Each structure stands twice: as C-alpha cells, then as structure tokens.
Protein backbone atom coordinates (compact mmCIF):
# COMPACT_ATOMS: atom_id res chain seq x y z
CA UNK A 1 -4.63 -14.85 -11.32
CA UNK A 2 -1.79 -15.86 -9.15
CA UNK A 3 -2.56 -17.99 -6.02
CA UNK A 4 -0.67 -17.64 -2.70
CA UNK A 5 0.65 -21.16 -2.81
CA UNK A 6 2.19 -20.54 -6.25
CA UNK A 7 3.95 -17.37 -5.10
CA UNK A 8 5.36 -18.60 -1.78
CA UNK A 9 6.39 -21.89 -3.35
CA UNK A 10 8.97 -20.23 -5.52
CA UNK A 11 12.68 -20.34 -4.48
CA UNK A 12 13.90 -17.17 -2.86
CA UNK A 13 17.07 -15.34 -3.87
CA UNK A 14 18.54 -14.03 -7.13
CA UNK A 15 19.45 -16.40 -10.05
CA UNK A 16 23.14 -17.28 -10.56
CA UNK A 17 25.07 -15.77 -13.50
CA UNK A 18 28.40 -15.88 -15.01
CA UNK A 19 30.91 -18.68 -15.37
CA UNK A 20 30.70 -21.56 -12.97
CA UNK A 21 27.27 -20.25 -11.77
CA UNK A 22 28.86 -17.50 -9.56
CA UNK A 23 26.29 -15.24 -8.01
CA UNK A 24 26.06 -11.72 -9.23
CA UNK A 25 27.24 -9.06 -6.53
CA UNK A 26 26.58 -5.59 -7.69
CA UNK A 27 26.66 -4.14 -4.19
CA UNK A 28 30.16 -2.29 -4.67
CA UNK A 29 28.77 -0.45 -7.74
CA UNK A 30 25.56 0.78 -6.03
CA UNK A 31 27.04 3.90 -4.34
CA UNK A 32 28.87 4.89 -7.54
CA UNK A 33 25.51 5.11 -9.26
CA UNK A 34 24.00 7.30 -6.49
CA UNK A 35 22.04 4.55 -4.75
CA UNK A 36 22.41 4.18 -1.03
CA UNK A 37 23.34 0.78 0.28
CA UNK A 38 20.85 1.34 3.14
CA UNK A 39 18.12 0.48 0.67
CA UNK A 40 19.26 -3.03 0.85
CA UNK A 41 19.93 -3.39 4.55
CA UNK A 42 17.73 -5.37 6.98
CA UNK A 43 16.85 -2.25 8.96
CA UNK A 44 13.96 -0.07 7.88
CA UNK A 45 16.04 2.94 7.28
CA UNK A 46 13.04 5.23 6.77
CA UNK A 47 14.88 8.40 5.99
CA UNK A 48 16.46 6.61 3.04
CA UNK A 49 13.53 4.39 1.93
CA UNK A 50 10.85 7.16 1.84
CA UNK A 51 11.38 9.32 -1.32
CA UNK A 52 8.46 11.72 -2.05
CA UNK A 53 10.04 13.21 -5.22
CA UNK A 54 9.15 11.10 -8.27
CA UNK A 55 12.05 12.50 -10.21
CA UNK A 56 14.48 11.08 -7.49
CA UNK A 57 12.61 7.82 -7.73
CA UNK A 58 13.09 7.63 -11.52
CA UNK A 59 16.85 8.25 -11.03
CA UNK A 60 17.08 5.48 -8.46
CA UNK A 61 15.21 3.07 -10.77
CA UNK A 62 17.40 3.94 -13.70
CA UNK A 63 20.51 3.18 -11.55
CA UNK A 64 19.16 -0.05 -10.35
CA UNK A 65 18.28 -1.20 -13.90
CA UNK A 66 21.80 -0.44 -14.93
CA UNK A 67 22.83 -3.13 -12.50
CA UNK A 68 20.25 -5.53 -13.97
CA UNK A 69 17.67 -5.26 -11.18
CA UNK A 70 14.01 -6.16 -12.01
CA UNK A 71 11.75 -3.40 -10.56
CA UNK A 72 8.31 -4.25 -8.98
CA UNK A 73 5.70 -1.54 -8.18
CA UNK A 74 2.47 -1.77 -6.06
CA UNK A 75 0.20 0.52 -4.36
CA UNK A 76 -2.40 0.81 -1.68
CA UNK A 77 -3.74 2.46 1.48
CA UNK A 78 -2.22 0.12 3.95
CA UNK A 79 -4.45 1.46 6.75
CA UNK A 80 -3.96 -0.59 9.95
CA UNK A 81 -1.42 -3.01 8.71
CA UNK A 82 -2.51 -6.59 9.10
CA UNK A 83 -1.36 -10.13 8.02
CA UNK A 84 -3.01 -9.76 4.69
CA UNK A 85 -0.96 -6.64 3.90
CA UNK A 86 2.38 -8.29 4.90
CA UNK A 87 1.51 -11.41 2.75
CA UNK A 88 0.53 -9.23 -0.22
CA UNK A 89 3.88 -7.17 -0.05
CA UNK A 90 5.87 -10.37 0.32
CA UNK A 91 4.19 -11.92 -2.64
CA UNK A 92 4.69 -8.78 -4.74
CA UNK A 93 8.39 -8.91 -3.91
CA UNK A 94 8.68 -12.35 -5.48
CA UNK A 95 8.12 -10.90 -8.88
CA UNK A 96 11.51 -9.02 -8.98
CA UNK A 97 14.58 -7.77 -7.26
CA UNK A 98 13.49 -4.35 -5.78
CA UNK A 99 9.90 -3.41 -4.55
CA UNK A 100 8.56 0.10 -4.68
CA UNK A 101 5.35 0.78 -2.76
CA UNK A 102 3.02 3.85 -3.64
CA UNK A 103 1.04 4.65 -0.45
CA UNK A 104 -2.18 6.68 -0.81
CA UNK A 105 -2.03 9.99 1.12
CA UNK A 106 -4.59 10.90 3.82
CA UNK A 107 -6.32 13.25 1.48
CA UNK A 108 -6.57 10.69 -1.38
CA UNK A 109 -8.03 7.99 1.06
CA UNK A 110 -10.63 10.48 2.50
CA UNK A 111 -11.78 11.34 -1.01
CA UNK A 112 -12.39 7.63 -1.83
CA UNK A 113 -13.52 6.23 1.52
CA UNK A 114 -14.88 9.06 3.51
CA UNK A 115 -13.94 11.35 6.30
CA UNK A 116 -13.61 8.57 8.89
CA UNK A 117 -10.49 7.15 7.04
CA UNK A 118 -7.71 6.64 7.24
CA UNK A 119 -7.49 5.51 10.88
CA UNK A 120 -3.66 5.65 10.81
CA UNK A 121 -2.09 8.97 9.48
CA UNK A 122 0.14 8.79 6.34
CA UNK A 123 3.51 9.12 7.99
CA UNK A 124 2.89 6.32 10.45
CA UNK A 125 1.45 4.21 7.55
CA UNK A 126 4.62 5.03 5.56
CA UNK A 127 6.92 3.93 8.45
CA UNK A 128 4.91 0.63 8.98
CA UNK A 129 5.32 -0.25 5.36
CA UNK A 130 9.11 0.32 5.39
CA UNK A 131 9.20 -2.34 8.25
CA UNK A 132 7.64 -4.93 6.07
CA UNK A 133 9.94 -7.51 4.58
CA UNK A 134 11.20 -6.96 1.18
CA UNK A 135 10.11 -3.38 0.68
CA UNK A 136 12.79 -1.28 -0.82
CA UNK A 137 11.39 2.19 -1.23
CA UNK A 138 8.16 3.97 -0.37
CA UNK A 139 6.39 7.12 -1.64
CA UNK A 140 3.11 8.93 -1.33
CA UNK A 141 0.41 9.10 -3.97
CA UNK A 142 -1.36 12.50 -3.86
CA UNK A 143 -4.69 13.64 -5.23
CA UNK A 144 -2.83 16.36 -7.13
CA UNK A 145 -0.86 13.77 -9.10
CA UNK A 146 -1.95 13.04 -12.65
CA UNK A 147 -3.41 9.66 -13.33
CA UNK A 148 -0.70 6.79 -13.22
CA UNK A 149 1.98 9.42 -12.39
CA UNK A 150 3.99 6.92 -10.27
CA UNK A 151 3.68 4.23 -12.75
CA UNK A 152 5.02 6.50 -15.54
CA UNK A 153 7.98 7.56 -13.37
CA UNK A 154 8.93 4.00 -12.32
CA UNK A 155 7.85 2.07 -15.52
CA UNK A 156 8.00 -1.12 -13.58
CA UNK A 157 9.00 -4.50 -15.05
CA UNK A 158 6.07 -5.81 -13.03
CA UNK A 159 3.09 -3.89 -11.73
CA UNK A 160 1.24 -5.78 -8.98
CA UNK A 161 -2.42 -5.02 -8.10
CA UNK A 162 -5.52 -6.53 -6.64
CA UNK A 163 -8.37 -7.69 -8.93
CA UNK A 164 -10.52 -4.52 -8.64
CA UNK A 165 -7.82 -2.02 -9.13
CA UNK A 166 -7.66 -1.84 -12.99
CA UNK A 167 -10.14 -2.78 -15.64
CA UNK A 168 -9.02 -5.20 -18.39
CA UNK A 169 -8.86 -2.23 -20.87
CA UNK A 170 -6.59 -0.31 -18.42
CA UNK A 171 -4.28 -3.40 -17.95
CA UNK A 172 -3.96 -3.56 -21.72
CA UNK A 173 -2.99 0.12 -21.85
CA UNK A 174 -0.50 -0.20 -18.99
CA UNK A 175 1.27 -3.17 -20.47
CA UNK A 176 1.39 -1.53 -23.85
CA UNK A 177 2.88 1.73 -22.71
CA UNK A 178 4.09 1.80 -19.09
CA UNK A 179 5.12 -1.48 -17.64
CA UNK A 180 6.38 -4.86 -18.56
CA UNK A 181 3.30 -6.75 -17.33
CA UNK A 182 0.61 -6.50 -14.68
CA UNK A 183 0.10 -9.25 -12.13
CA UNK A 184 -3.20 -9.48 -10.37
CA UNK A 185 -3.22 -11.05 -6.97
CA UNK A 186 -6.08 -12.28 -4.87
CA UNK A 187 -6.68 -10.48 -1.59
CA UNK A 188 -4.78 -12.11 1.09
CA UNK A 189 -6.92 -11.18 3.97
CA UNK A 190 -10.03 -12.95 5.11
CA UNK A 191 -11.37 -9.78 6.57
CA UNK A 192 -10.88 -6.13 5.22
CA UNK A 193 -9.84 -3.14 7.33
CA UNK A 194 -13.25 -1.62 6.61
CA UNK A 195 -15.03 -4.73 7.84
CA UNK A 196 -12.89 -4.76 11.02
CA UNK A 197 -13.70 -1.27 11.87
CA UNK A 198 -17.39 -1.80 11.18
CA UNK A 199 -17.33 -4.73 13.57
CA UNK A 200 -15.57 -2.62 16.32
CA UNK A 201 -18.12 0.09 15.98
CA UNK A 202 -21.00 -2.38 16.11
CA UNK A 203 -19.67 -4.04 19.27
CA UNK A 204 -19.12 -0.64 20.92
CA UNK A 205 -22.69 0.34 20.23
CA UNK A 206 -23.91 -2.93 21.58
CA UNK A 207 -21.99 -2.60 24.77
CA UNK A 208 -24.01 -0.49 27.31
CA UNK A 209 -20.78 0.48 29.10
CA UNK A 210 -18.89 1.66 26.22
CA UNK A 211 -18.02 5.29 25.54
CA UNK A 212 -20.17 5.26 22.36
CA UNK A 213 -23.13 4.10 24.25
CA UNK A 214 -22.56 6.71 27.10
CA UNK A 215 -22.43 9.47 24.57
CA UNK A 216 -25.50 8.42 22.79
CA UNK A 217 -27.30 8.02 26.14
CA UNK A 218 -26.30 11.50 27.16
CA UNK A 219 -27.39 12.91 23.86
CA UNK A 220 -30.87 11.28 24.27
CA UNK A 221 -31.29 12.72 27.72
CA UNK A 222 -30.44 16.19 26.58
CA UNK A 223 -33.02 15.90 23.85
CA UNK A 224 -30.58 15.98 20.98
CA UNK A 225 -30.92 12.22 20.09
CA UNK A 226 -33.59 12.83 17.48
CA UNK A 227 -34.01 16.58 17.00
CA UNK A 228 -30.30 17.70 16.52
CA UNK A 229 -29.02 19.15 13.50
CA UNK A 230 -27.04 16.13 12.16
CA UNK A 231 -28.37 13.18 10.16
CA UNK A 232 -28.44 11.12 13.29
CA UNK A 233 -29.91 13.84 15.43
CA UNK A 234 -26.70 14.56 17.36
CA UNK A 235 -25.17 17.35 15.28
CA UNK A 236 -22.60 15.02 13.78
CA UNK A 237 -22.40 13.23 10.54
CA UNK A 238 -23.64 9.76 10.86
CA UNK A 239 -20.75 7.24 11.20
CA UNK A 240 -21.58 4.96 8.21
CA UNK A 241 -18.92 2.52 6.99
CA UNK A 242 -18.05 3.23 3.36
CA UNK A 243 -18.43 0.66 0.52
CA UNK A 244 -15.50 -1.73 0.31
CA UNK A 245 -12.75 -0.55 -2.04
CA UNK A 246 -9.25 -1.48 -2.65
CA UNK A 247 -6.39 -0.79 -0.23
C-alpha cells in the first residue's frame, strides 16, 4: 500500500530521453494523431476533457501510447469535492503521464448509496473533477455498462483504487488481463462525504430554529409525526445515512 509521503515525495515531470538527456517533446505530433492539445493545457477545457463514448476514449489512449505516454485510470463518485479527493487525484497522476477519471453516474450512485445521494448532480461533478490538477480526461460510468467496461476500453498501465474497491482475487484478474498493475491507495480524507452529511443532518435536527426542526414540529402539531404513512410517520422515507462505501 502506498503512503501519501511516498507519492508526493517523488520528483514531478517526465524523465529525460535521447542523447545528451534532452527532454522528449511530443506536442507537435499530438494533433496529427487526432488528440487535442487542449487535453494538456492548464485550463479545464471541459468540452474536450469530457468524453462519454468509450470507443473515442480508446482511440485517444492508443494515440497517446504511440507517443510513449503512460496511462493511469481511476474511478469514484467524487460527490462534494473535498481535500481528500484532490490529494487522491494528484497522487494517482504521479503514477503516469495521463490520468483518466471514471465518474459514477447519478443512477449508479443511487443504486449503491440510496436515494439521498449524490448531493451534487453528475454534470457538476464532472466539471469539478476537470478542474482538479493533473486530470486529463473524464467520463461517466453507467449502471448499463458491463463490469469493468471502462478498464477494458482503457487497459491502463496503472489502475489506481482505494483498498475496498477490489478483492485480492479481482486485482489478480485485472493485472492478468486488463492493466499493467493495480495500485491501492489509502483514503486521503479524515472524514468521508457520507460522514459529513450525517453530521450536518444531526446538527440541523438538534437546532430548534433550523428548517428541519420546524418541519418536524409542524408535522407533530398536525398529528402526522407518529401516525403518517412513512416509516418516520411523516409520509416520507426516513433519511438514514447509508453504510460507508467507496467514492
């Protein structure tokens, strides 16, 4: 397992190559291979970085490999971007030259974490991820996609994941058939998004002047606090934080 200090202690930049240690500069060749220079600009360039079609992603990856680029792939929900997400993406980028991020769709997150998630809709999450340092390309992972569809399309040199993402057996299968190697990183946030949301809800419920408390008080006065049709007597599904999962 890689630690944060080990990753951020590495020297940044690409290795020198050729006689006299001259740096490799493939930029002039990029457009001729059908890859936009905007993927390497400092700006987020969302319209170029967001590619939904996995076939187009595969074409881009093949062009980059022709130039000798090492491809890194990672995935996640990235709901309510925080410091841990930024550190994780920056650490993932250290494993290669071009980072691709697969972002779970709203439908995929709801299926895993419940109807109350995600808090931030997928298009906004996609845009936020493109603003993170070192992200080259983003795409969506849909519930309709077959298992490991994005991994099979990219066939990354390095697949980066958190500890609970894949079992040891799955990692063995991935490294045997679909990627160069799997790097497992520690979570880089002291508090998860789910835990933060749970804390906000608890504080709101404890505050007698909050909107949540006002609604609950009104429901109780109307006689719906205990006799309503929902599980919490209000006709609504009880807002229960889901178990902690990846992303």
